[in-house]
All heavy atoms as atom14 arrays in JSON, in Angstrom:
{
  "sequence": "IFTNYAMAWYRQAPGKQRELVAIIANGGRTNYADSVKGRFTISRDN",
  "atom14_mask": [
    [1, 1, 1, 1, 1, 1, 1, 1, 0, 0, 0, 0, 0, 0],
    [1, 1, 1, 1, 1, 1, 1, 1, 1, 1, 1, 0, 0, 0],
    [1, 1, 1, 1, 1, 1, 1, 0, 0, 0, 0, 0, 0, 0],
    [1, 1, 1, 1, 1, 1, 1, 1, 0, 0, 0, 0, 0, 0],
    [1, 1, 1, 1, 1, 1, 1, 1, 1, 1, 1, 1, 0, 0],
    [1, 1, 1, 1, 1, 0, 0, 0, 0, 0, 0, 0, 0, 0],
    [1, 1, 1, 1, 1, 1, 1, 1, 0, 0, 0, 0, 0, 0],
    [1, 1, 1, 1, 1, 0, 0, 0, 0, 0, 0, 0, 0, 0],
    [1, 1, 1, 1, 1, 1, 1, 1, 1, 1, 1, 1, 1, 1],
    [1, 1, 1, 1, 1, 1, 1, 1, 1, 1, 1, 1, 0, 0],
    [1, 1, 1, 1, 1, 1, 1, 1, 1, 1, 1, 0, 0, 0],
    [1, 1, 1, 1, 1, 1, 1, 1, 1, 0, 0, 0, 0, 0],
    [1, 1, 1, 1, 1, 0, 0, 0, 0, 0, 0, 0, 0, 0],
    [1, 1, 1, 1, 1, 1, 1, 0, 0, 0, 0, 0, 0, 0],
    [1, 1, 1, 1, 0, 0, 0, 0, 0, 0, 0, 0, 0, 0],
    [1, 1, 1, 1, 1, 1, 1, 1, 1, 0, 0, 0, 0, 0],
    [1, 1, 1, 1, 1, 1, 1, 1, 1, 0, 0, 0, 0, 0],
    [1, 1, 1, 1, 1, 1, 1, 1, 1, 1, 1, 0, 0, 0],
    [1, 1, 1, 1, 1, 1, 1, 1, 1, 0, 0, 0, 0, 0],
    [1, 1, 1, 1, 1, 1, 1, 1, 0, 0, 0, 0, 0, 0],
    [1, 1, 1, 1, 1, 1, 1, 0, 0, 0, 0, 0, 0, 0],
    [1, 1, 1, 1, 1, 0, 0, 0, 0, 0, 0, 0, 0, 0],
    [1, 1, 1, 1, 1, 1, 1, 1, 0, 0, 0, 0, 0, 0],
    [1, 1, 1, 1, 1, 1, 1, 1, 0, 0, 0, 0, 0, 0],
    [1, 1, 1, 1, 1, 0, 0, 0, 0, 0, 0, 0, 0, 0],
    [1, 1, 1, 1, 1, 1, 1, 1, 0, 0, 0, 0, 0, 0],
    [1, 1, 1, 1, 0, 0, 0, 0, 0, 0, 0, 0, 0, 0],
    [1, 1, 1, 1, 0, 0, 0, 0, 0, 0, 0, 0, 0, 0],
    [1, 1, 1, 1, 1, 1, 1, 1, 1, 1, 1, 0, 0, 0],
    [1, 1, 1, 1, 1, 1, 1, 0, 0, 0, 0, 0, 0, 0],
    [1, 1, 1, 1, 1, 1, 1, 1, 0, 0, 0, 0, 0, 0],
    [1, 1, 1, 1, 1, 1, 1, 1, 1, 1, 1, 1, 0, 0],
    [1, 1, 1, 1, 1, 0, 0, 0, 0, 0, 0, 0, 0, 0],
    [1, 1, 1, 1, 1, 1, 1, 1, 0, 0, 0, 0, 0, 0],
    [1, 1, 1, 1, 1, 1, 0, 0, 0, 0, 0, 0, 0, 0],
    [1, 1, 1, 1, 1, 1, 1, 0, 0, 0, 0, 0, 0, 0],
    [1, 1, 1, 1, 1, 1, 1, 1, 1, 0, 0, 0, 0, 0],
    [1, 1, 1, 1, 0, 0, 0, 0, 0, 0, 0, 0, 0, 0],
    [1, 1, 1, 1, 1, 1, 1, 1, 1, 1, 1, 0, 0, 0],
    [1, 1, 1, 1, 1, 1, 1, 1, 1, 1, 1, 0, 0, 0],
    [1, 1, 1, 1, 1, 1, 1, 0, 0, 0, 0, 0, 0, 0],
    [1, 1, 1, 1, 1, 1, 1, 1, 0, 0, 0, 0, 0, 0],
    [1, 1, 1, 1, 1, 1, 0, 0, 0, 0, 0, 0, 0, 0],
    [1, 1, 1, 1, 1, 1, 1, 1, 1, 1, 1, 0, 0, 0],
    [1, 1, 1, 1, 1, 1, 1, 1, 0, 0, 0, 0, 0, 0],
    [1, 1, 1, 1, 1, 1, 1, 1, 0, 0, 0, 0, 0, 0]
  ],
  "atom14_positions": [
    [[82.53, 67.32, 105.42], [81.56, 68.22, 104.77], [82.21, 69.64, 104.58], [82.24, 70.45, 105.57], [80.24, 68.3, 105.63], [79.66, 66.9, 105.8], [79.29, 69.3, 104.92], [78.51, 66.87, 106.72], [0.0, 0.0, 0.0], [0.0, 0.0, 0.0], [0.0, 0.0, 0.0], [0.0, 0.0, 0.0], [0.0, 0.0, 0.0], [0.0, 0.0, 0.0]],
    [[82.76, 69.85, 103.43], [83.66, 71.01, 103.27], [83.05, 72.3, 103.62], [83.7, 73.19, 104.21], [84.04, 70.98, 101.71], [85.15, 71.96, 101.35], [86.42, 71.67, 101.74], [84.81, 73.13, 100.62], [87.52, 72.61, 101.36], [85.75, 74.05, 100.31], [87.12, 73.84, 100.7], [0.0, 0.0, 0.0], [0.0, 0.0, 0.0], [0.0, 0.0, 0.0]],
    [[81.65, 72.44, 103.29], [81.13, 73.73, 103.61], [80.91, 74.04, 105.08], [80.67, 75.16, 105.49], [79.79, 73.85, 102.85], [79.0, 72.7, 103.3], [79.91, 73.89, 101.42], [0.0, 0.0, 0.0], [0.0, 0.0, 0.0], [0.0, 0.0, 0.0], [0.0, 0.0, 0.0], [0.0, 0.0, 0.0], [0.0, 0.0, 0.0], [0.0, 0.0, 0.0]],
    [[81.15, 73.08, 105.92], [81.13, 73.3, 107.33], [82.44, 73.92, 107.92], [82.4, 74.49, 109.02], [80.89, 72.03, 108.15], [79.43, 71.55, 108.05], [78.51, 72.26, 107.7], [79.18, 70.42, 108.46], [0.0, 0.0, 0.0], [0.0, 0.0, 0.0], [0.0, 0.0, 0.0], [0.0, 0.0, 0.0], [0.0, 0.0, 0.0], [0.0, 0.0, 0.0]],
    [[83.4, 73.73, 107.23], [84.81, 73.95, 107.65], [85.41, 75.28, 107.21], [85.27, 75.81, 106.1], [85.78, 72.86, 107.14], [85.63, 71.67, 107.98], [84.55, 70.76, 107.77], [86.51, 71.26, 108.95], [84.37, 69.59, 108.36], [86.41, 70.08, 109.67], [85.32, 69.26, 109.39], [85.17, 68.11, 110.17], [0.0, 0.0, 0.0], [0.0, 0.0, 0.0]],
    [[86.02, 76.03, 108.25], [87.03, 77.06, 107.78], [88.2, 76.39, 107.35], [88.62, 75.37, 107.81], [87.31, 77.95, 109.03], [0.0, 0.0, 0.0], [0.0, 0.0, 0.0], [0.0, 0.0, 0.0], [0.0, 0.0, 0.0], [0.0, 0.0, 0.0], [0.0, 0.0, 0.0], [0.0, 0.0, 0.0], [0.0, 0.0, 0.0], [0.0, 0.0, 0.0]],
    [[88.88, 77.02, 106.32], [89.98, 76.38, 105.64], [91.14, 77.42, 105.82], [91.07, 78.53, 105.78], [89.8, 76.02, 104.17], [88.71, 75.04, 103.98], [89.05, 73.41, 104.7], [90.51, 72.98, 103.79], [0.0, 0.0, 0.0], [0.0, 0.0, 0.0], [0.0, 0.0, 0.0], [0.0, 0.0, 0.0], [0.0, 0.0, 0.0], [0.0, 0.0, 0.0]],
    [[92.34, 76.84, 106.14], [93.5, 77.69, 106.38], [94.71, 77.24, 105.72], [94.86, 76.09, 105.49], [93.66, 77.93, 107.89], [0.0, 0.0, 0.0], [0.0, 0.0, 0.0], [0.0, 0.0, 0.0], [0.0, 0.0, 0.0], [0.0, 0.0, 0.0], [0.0, 0.0, 0.0], [0.0, 0.0, 0.0], [0.0, 0.0, 0.0], [0.0, 0.0, 0.0]],
    [[95.71, 78.12, 105.6], [97.05, 77.73, 105.27], [97.96, 78.24, 106.34], [97.84, 79.44, 106.8], [97.48, 78.46, 103.88], [96.74, 77.94, 102.69], [95.69, 78.37, 102.01], [97.21, 76.79, 101.95], [95.34, 77.56, 100.99], [96.3, 76.63, 100.93], [98.26, 75.89, 102.12], [96.37, 75.58, 99.99], [98.39, 74.86, 101.15], [97.4, 74.66, 100.18]],
    [[98.87, 77.31, 106.78], [99.87, 77.6, 107.62], [101.19, 77.39, 107.0], [101.25, 76.78, 105.89], [99.73, 76.73, 108.9], [98.65, 76.97, 109.83], [97.28, 76.72, 109.51], [98.83, 77.6, 111.12], [96.23, 76.98, 110.41], [97.82, 77.97, 111.9], [96.46, 77.54, 111.61], [95.49, 77.79, 112.48], [0.0, 0.0, 0.0], [0.0, 0.0, 0.0]],
    [[102.21, 77.92, 107.61], [103.56, 77.52, 107.14], [104.56, 77.42, 108.24], [104.39, 77.99, 109.36], [104.07, 78.68, 106.08], [104.4, 80.02, 106.76], [104.69, 80.98, 105.7], [104.96, 82.38, 106.18], [105.12, 83.42, 105.49], [105.04, 83.42, 104.14], [105.44, 84.65, 106.11], [0.0, 0.0, 0.0], [0.0, 0.0, 0.0], [0.0, 0.0, 0.0]],
    [[105.6, 76.63, 107.89], [106.69, 76.43, 109.01], [108.05, 76.5, 108.32], [108.25, 75.64, 107.41], [106.47, 75.14, 109.73], [107.44, 74.94, 110.84], [106.98, 73.81, 111.78], [106.22, 72.91, 111.35], [107.5, 73.77, 112.99], [0.0, 0.0, 0.0], [0.0, 0.0, 0.0], [0.0, 0.0, 0.0], [0.0, 0.0, 0.0], [0.0, 0.0, 0.0]],
    [[108.74, 77.45, 108.62], [110.11, 77.59, 108.14], [111.06, 76.82, 109.01], [110.76, 76.53, 110.24], [110.56, 79.04, 108.14], [0.0, 0.0, 0.0], [0.0, 0.0, 0.0], [0.0, 0.0, 0.0], [0.0, 0.0, 0.0], [0.0, 0.0, 0.0], [0.0, 0.0, 0.0], [0.0, 0.0, 0.0], [0.0, 0.0, 0.0], [0.0, 0.0, 0.0]],
    [[112.26, 76.48, 108.53], [113.23, 75.66, 109.31], [113.51, 76.42, 110.63], [113.91, 77.63, 110.59], [114.41, 75.54, 108.45], [113.88, 75.69, 107.12], [112.7, 76.61, 107.14], [0.0, 0.0, 0.0], [0.0, 0.0, 0.0], [0.0, 0.0, 0.0], [0.0, 0.0, 0.0], [0.0, 0.0, 0.0], [0.0, 0.0, 0.0], [0.0, 0.0, 0.0]],
    [[113.47, 75.67, 111.73], [113.8, 76.31, 113.08], [112.78, 77.27, 113.6], [113.01, 77.84, 114.63], [0.0, 0.0, 0.0], [0.0, 0.0, 0.0], [0.0, 0.0, 0.0], [0.0, 0.0, 0.0], [0.0, 0.0, 0.0], [0.0, 0.0, 0.0], [0.0, 0.0, 0.0], [0.0, 0.0, 0.0], [0.0, 0.0, 0.0], [0.0, 0.0, 0.0]],
    [[111.67, 77.37, 112.95], [110.62, 78.3, 113.46], [109.38, 77.53, 113.7], [109.12, 76.42, 113.27], [110.33, 79.38, 112.38], [111.51, 80.36, 112.22], [111.17, 81.5, 111.34], [112.26, 82.53, 111.16], [111.94, 83.64, 110.36], [0.0, 0.0, 0.0], [0.0, 0.0, 0.0], [0.0, 0.0, 0.0], [0.0, 0.0, 0.0], [0.0, 0.0, 0.0]],
    [[108.43, 78.16, 114.44], [107.17, 77.54, 114.79], [106.22, 77.75, 113.57], [106.41, 78.61, 112.8], [106.54, 78.31, 116.0], [107.26, 77.91, 117.32], [106.45, 78.44, 118.51], [105.7, 79.36, 118.36], [106.64, 77.67, 119.65], [0.0, 0.0, 0.0], [0.0, 0.0, 0.0], [0.0, 0.0, 0.0], [0.0, 0.0, 0.0], [0.0, 0.0, 0.0]],
    [[105.21, 76.85, 113.52], [104.19, 76.9, 112.5], [103.45, 78.21, 112.72], [103.01, 78.5, 113.85], [103.31, 75.68, 112.54], [102.45, 75.54, 111.29], [101.7, 74.16, 111.26], [102.66, 73.09, 111.22], [102.21, 71.84, 110.98], [100.94, 71.48, 110.85], [103.16, 70.85, 110.85], [0.0, 0.0, 0.0], [0.0, 0.0, 0.0], [0.0, 0.0, 0.0]],
    [[103.09, 78.88, 111.64], [102.35, 80.17, 111.82], [101.16, 80.16, 110.77], [101.31, 79.56, 109.62], [103.29, 81.41, 111.58], [103.82, 81.5, 110.16], [104.64, 82.77, 109.92], [104.65, 83.62, 110.75], [105.18, 82.86, 108.79], [0.0, 0.0, 0.0], [0.0, 0.0, 0.0], [0.0, 0.0, 0.0], [0.0, 0.0, 0.0], [0.0, 0.0, 0.0]],
    [[100.12, 80.84, 111.2], [98.94, 81.0, 110.33], [99.36, 82.0, 109.19], [99.79, 83.12, 109.54], [97.77, 81.52, 111.02], [96.5, 81.88, 110.26], [95.89, 80.63, 109.66], [95.5, 82.58, 111.1], [0.0, 0.0, 0.0], [0.0, 0.0, 0.0], [0.0, 0.0, 0.0], [0.0, 0.0, 0.0], [0.0, 0.0, 0.0], [0.0, 0.0, 0.0]],
    [[99.03, 81.61, 107.95], [99.3, 82.51, 106.86], [97.99, 83.2, 106.41], [97.86, 84.43, 106.33], [99.78, 81.75, 105.58], [99.93, 82.58, 104.37], [101.11, 81.16, 106.03], [0.0, 0.0, 0.0], [0.0, 0.0, 0.0], [0.0, 0.0, 0.0], [0.0, 0.0, 0.0], [0.0, 0.0, 0.0], [0.0, 0.0, 0.0], [0.0, 0.0, 0.0]],
    [[96.92, 82.43, 106.23], [95.62, 83.02, 105.77], [94.51, 81.88, 106.18], [94.77, 80.79, 106.22], [95.69, 83.2, 104.3], [0.0, 0.0, 0.0], [0.0, 0.0, 0.0], [0.0, 0.0, 0.0], [0.0, 0.0, 0.0], [0.0, 0.0, 0.0], [0.0, 0.0, 0.0], [0.0, 0.0, 0.0], [0.0, 0.0, 0.0], [0.0, 0.0, 0.0]],
    [[93.37, 82.49, 106.39], [92.2, 81.64, 106.76], [90.92, 82.18, 106.08], [90.7, 83.41, 105.94], [92.01, 81.55, 108.21], [90.95, 80.49, 108.63], [91.66, 82.89, 108.92], [90.91, 80.07, 110.08], [0.0, 0.0, 0.0], [0.0, 0.0, 0.0], [0.0, 0.0, 0.0], [0.0, 0.0, 0.0], [0.0, 0.0, 0.0], [0.0, 0.0, 0.0]],
    [[90.08, 81.24, 105.58], [88.81, 81.65, 104.97], [87.74, 80.91, 105.7], [87.78, 79.7, 105.75], [88.91, 81.39, 103.46], [87.63, 81.82, 102.89], [89.19, 79.93, 103.07], [87.6, 81.99, 101.3], [0.0, 0.0, 0.0], [0.0, 0.0, 0.0], [0.0, 0.0, 0.0], [0.0, 0.0, 0.0], [0.0, 0.0, 0.0], [0.0, 0.0, 0.0]],
    [[86.74, 81.67, 106.18], [85.61, 80.98, 106.86], [84.62, 80.26, 105.87], [84.78, 80.55, 104.64], [84.9, 81.97, 107.65], [0.0, 0.0, 0.0], [0.0, 0.0, 0.0], [0.0, 0.0, 0.0], [0.0, 0.0, 0.0], [0.0, 0.0, 0.0], [0.0, 0.0, 0.0], [0.0, 0.0, 0.0], [0.0, 0.0, 0.0], [0.0, 0.0, 0.0]],
    [[83.79, 79.42, 106.39], [82.88, 78.79, 105.49], [81.92, 79.71, 104.8], [81.48, 79.41, 103.7], [82.12, 77.64, 106.21], [81.29, 78.25, 107.36], [81.47, 79.39, 107.78], [80.43, 77.36, 108.01], [0.0, 0.0, 0.0], [0.0, 0.0, 0.0], [0.0, 0.0, 0.0], [0.0, 0.0, 0.0], [0.0, 0.0, 0.0], [0.0, 0.0, 0.0]],
    [[81.78, 80.99, 105.4], [81.01, 81.95, 104.69], [81.83, 82.88, 103.76], [81.3, 83.73, 103.1], [0.0, 0.0, 0.0], [0.0, 0.0, 0.0], [0.0, 0.0, 0.0], [0.0, 0.0, 0.0], [0.0, 0.0, 0.0], [0.0, 0.0, 0.0], [0.0, 0.0, 0.0], [0.0, 0.0, 0.0], [0.0, 0.0, 0.0], [0.0, 0.0, 0.0]],
    [[83.1, 82.62, 103.74], [83.95, 83.47, 102.79], [84.81, 84.56, 103.38], [85.7, 85.06, 102.69], [0.0, 0.0, 0.0], [0.0, 0.0, 0.0], [0.0, 0.0, 0.0], [0.0, 0.0, 0.0], [0.0, 0.0, 0.0], [0.0, 0.0, 0.0], [0.0, 0.0, 0.0], [0.0, 0.0, 0.0], [0.0, 0.0, 0.0], [0.0, 0.0, 0.0]],
    [[84.51, 84.81, 104.61], [85.45, 85.81, 105.28], [86.82, 85.47, 105.36], [87.1, 84.26, 105.76], [84.8, 86.21, 106.6], [85.5, 87.4, 107.38], [84.73, 87.83, 108.57], [85.37, 88.92, 109.21], [84.86, 89.53, 110.23], [83.71, 89.17, 110.79], [85.39, 90.66, 110.77], [0.0, 0.0, 0.0], [0.0, 0.0, 0.0], [0.0, 0.0, 0.0]],
    [[87.79, 86.31, 105.11], [89.2, 86.01, 105.1], [89.96, 86.84, 106.12], [89.6, 87.88, 106.54], [89.79, 86.22, 103.65], [89.62, 87.56, 103.33], [89.07, 85.29, 102.62], [0.0, 0.0, 0.0], [0.0, 0.0, 0.0], [0.0, 0.0, 0.0], [0.0, 0.0, 0.0], [0.0, 0.0, 0.0], [0.0, 0.0, 0.0], [0.0, 0.0, 0.0]],
    [[91.1, 86.22, 106.46], [91.91, 86.96, 107.31], [93.38, 86.54, 106.97], [93.66, 85.38, 106.66], [91.81, 86.69, 108.87], [92.3, 87.69, 109.73], [92.68, 88.78, 109.34], [92.55, 87.29, 111.05], [0.0, 0.0, 0.0], [0.0, 0.0, 0.0], [0.0, 0.0, 0.0], [0.0, 0.0, 0.0], [0.0, 0.0, 0.0], [0.0, 0.0, 0.0]],
    [[94.37, 87.46, 107.13], [95.74, 87.22, 106.64], [96.76, 87.62, 107.73], [96.55, 88.52, 108.51], [96.0, 88.0, 105.43], [95.23, 87.62, 104.25], [93.99, 88.19, 103.97], [95.68, 86.59, 103.26], [93.21, 87.91, 102.86], [94.82, 86.27, 102.23], [93.73, 86.92, 102.05], [92.86, 86.58, 100.88], [0.0, 0.0, 0.0], [0.0, 0.0, 0.0]],
    [[97.82, 86.99, 107.76], [98.99, 87.41, 108.55], [99.51, 88.7, 107.89], [99.41, 88.95, 106.72], [100.19, 86.43, 108.45], [0.0, 0.0, 0.0], [0.0, 0.0, 0.0], [0.0, 0.0, 0.0], [0.0, 0.0, 0.0], [0.0, 0.0, 0.0], [0.0, 0.0, 0.0], [0.0, 0.0, 0.0], [0.0, 0.0, 0.0], [0.0, 0.0, 0.0]],
    [[99.94, 89.66, 108.79], [100.47, 90.88, 108.33], [101.48, 90.82, 107.29], [101.63, 91.58, 106.34], [100.91, 91.76, 109.44], [99.83, 92.26, 110.4], [98.66, 92.27, 109.89], [100.08, 92.57, 111.53], [0.0, 0.0, 0.0], [0.0, 0.0, 0.0], [0.0, 0.0, 0.0], [0.0, 0.0, 0.0], [0.0, 0.0, 0.0], [0.0, 0.0, 0.0]],
    [[102.35, 89.79, 107.43], [103.51, 89.65, 106.56], [103.08, 89.24, 105.09], [103.89, 89.39, 104.18], [104.43, 88.49, 107.09], [103.72, 87.26, 107.17], [0.0, 0.0, 0.0], [0.0, 0.0, 0.0], [0.0, 0.0, 0.0], [0.0, 0.0, 0.0], [0.0, 0.0, 0.0], [0.0, 0.0, 0.0], [0.0, 0.0, 0.0], [0.0, 0.0, 0.0]],
    [[101.92, 88.84, 104.84], [101.45, 88.41, 103.54], [100.31, 89.24, 102.89], [100.01, 89.11, 101.79], [101.07, 86.94, 103.4], [102.15, 86.05, 104.07], [99.74, 86.7, 104.19], [0.0, 0.0, 0.0], [0.0, 0.0, 0.0], [0.0, 0.0, 0.0], [0.0, 0.0, 0.0], [0.0, 0.0, 0.0], [0.0, 0.0, 0.0], [0.0, 0.0, 0.0]],
    [[99.76, 90.22, 103.71], [98.72, 91.02, 103.31], [99.14, 91.8, 102.01], [100.2, 92.28, 101.91], [98.29, 92.02, 104.44], [97.45, 91.3, 105.45], [97.06, 92.42, 106.51], [96.16, 91.8, 107.65], [95.92, 92.81, 108.65], [0.0, 0.0, 0.0], [0.0, 0.0, 0.0], [0.0, 0.0, 0.0], [0.0, 0.0, 0.0], [0.0, 0.0, 0.0]],
    [[98.17, 91.75, 101.03], [98.43, 92.42, 99.78], [99.24, 91.58, 98.76], [99.39, 92.0, 97.57], [0.0, 0.0, 0.0], [0.0, 0.0, 0.0], [0.0, 0.0, 0.0], [0.0, 0.0, 0.0], [0.0, 0.0, 0.0], [0.0, 0.0, 0.0], [0.0, 0.0, 0.0], [0.0, 0.0, 0.0], [0.0, 0.0, 0.0], [0.0, 0.0, 0.0]],
    [[99.82, 90.41, 99.22], [100.59, 89.57, 98.32], [99.98, 88.23, 98.12], [100.09, 87.71, 97.06], [101.97, 89.41, 98.85], [102.77, 90.69, 99.01], [104.33, 90.37, 99.35], [104.38, 89.73, 100.6], [104.97, 88.51, 100.79], [105.38, 87.95, 99.69], [105.05, 87.98, 101.91], [0.0, 0.0, 0.0], [0.0, 0.0, 0.0], [0.0, 0.0, 0.0]],
    [[99.32, 87.76, 99.22], [98.69, 86.36, 99.13], [97.13, 86.56, 99.11], [96.54, 87.38, 99.72], [99.05, 85.5, 100.23], [100.52, 85.11, 100.32], [101.38, 85.66, 99.38], [100.87, 84.2, 101.25], [102.76, 85.3, 99.51], [102.26, 83.83, 101.4], [103.17, 84.28, 100.41], [0.0, 0.0, 0.0], [0.0, 0.0, 0.0], [0.0, 0.0, 0.0]],
    [[96.5, 85.64, 98.44], [95.0, 85.59, 98.41], [94.54, 84.27, 98.58], [94.91, 83.28, 97.9], [94.48, 86.12, 97.09], [94.95, 87.57, 96.77], [92.89, 86.19, 97.14], [0.0, 0.0, 0.0], [0.0, 0.0, 0.0], [0.0, 0.0, 0.0], [0.0, 0.0, 0.0], [0.0, 0.0, 0.0], [0.0, 0.0, 0.0], [0.0, 0.0, 0.0]],
    [[93.71, 84.01, 99.67], [93.11, 82.69, 99.88], [91.68, 82.77, 99.27], [90.94, 83.71, 99.37], [93.08, 82.41, 101.39], [92.64, 80.92, 101.61], [92.18, 83.43, 102.23], [92.82, 80.42, 103.06], [0.0, 0.0, 0.0], [0.0, 0.0, 0.0], [0.0, 0.0, 0.0], [0.0, 0.0, 0.0], [0.0, 0.0, 0.0], [0.0, 0.0, 0.0]],
    [[91.34, 81.58, 98.69], [89.97, 81.47, 98.09], [89.59, 79.98, 98.28], [90.34, 79.12, 98.51], [89.99, 81.88, 96.64], [90.9, 81.13, 95.93], [0.0, 0.0, 0.0], [0.0, 0.0, 0.0], [0.0, 0.0, 0.0], [0.0, 0.0, 0.0], [0.0, 0.0, 0.0], [0.0, 0.0, 0.0], [0.0, 0.0, 0.0], [0.0, 0.0, 0.0]],
    [[88.31, 79.8, 98.1], [87.75, 78.38, 98.15], [86.76, 78.12, 97.05], [85.97, 79.11, 96.7], [87.13, 78.1, 99.53], [85.99, 78.91, 99.9], [85.72, 78.74, 101.41], [85.17, 77.35, 101.7], [85.23, 76.83, 102.94], [85.58, 77.49, 104.01], [84.83, 75.66, 103.11], [0.0, 0.0, 0.0], [0.0, 0.0, 0.0], [0.0, 0.0, 0.0]],
    [[86.71, 76.86, 96.5], [85.71, 76.48, 95.6], [84.94, 75.35, 96.24], [85.48, 74.16, 96.33], [86.4, 76.01, 94.28], [85.37, 75.71, 93.3], [84.17, 75.38, 93.6], [85.75, 75.72, 92.03], [0.0, 0.0, 0.0], [0.0, 0.0, 0.0], [0.0, 0.0, 0.0], [0.0, 0.0, 0.0], [0.0, 0.0, 0.0], [0.0, 0.0, 0.0]],
    [[83.79, 75.68, 96.76], [82.96, 74.62, 97.49], [82.49, 73.53, 96.58], [82.31, 72.36, 97.15], [81.83, 75.32, 98.23], [82.3, 76.19, 99.37], [83.28, 75.99, 100.0], [81.46, 77.16, 99.75], [0.0, 0.0, 0.0], [0.0, 0.0, 0.0], [0.0, 0.0, 0.0], [0.0, 0.0, 0.0], [0.0, 0.0, 0.0], [0.0, 0.0, 0.0]]
  ]
}
């Protein structure tokens, strides 16, 4: 049930741990890693 879920993007570079890139709550609130703020935008189409 997509609208129940927060959705996120993570990334993993070679030799590094997986890290959170961006997350969007089911209500639409977003949060970003400092390294991508201003460059990446997360959105959802319910």
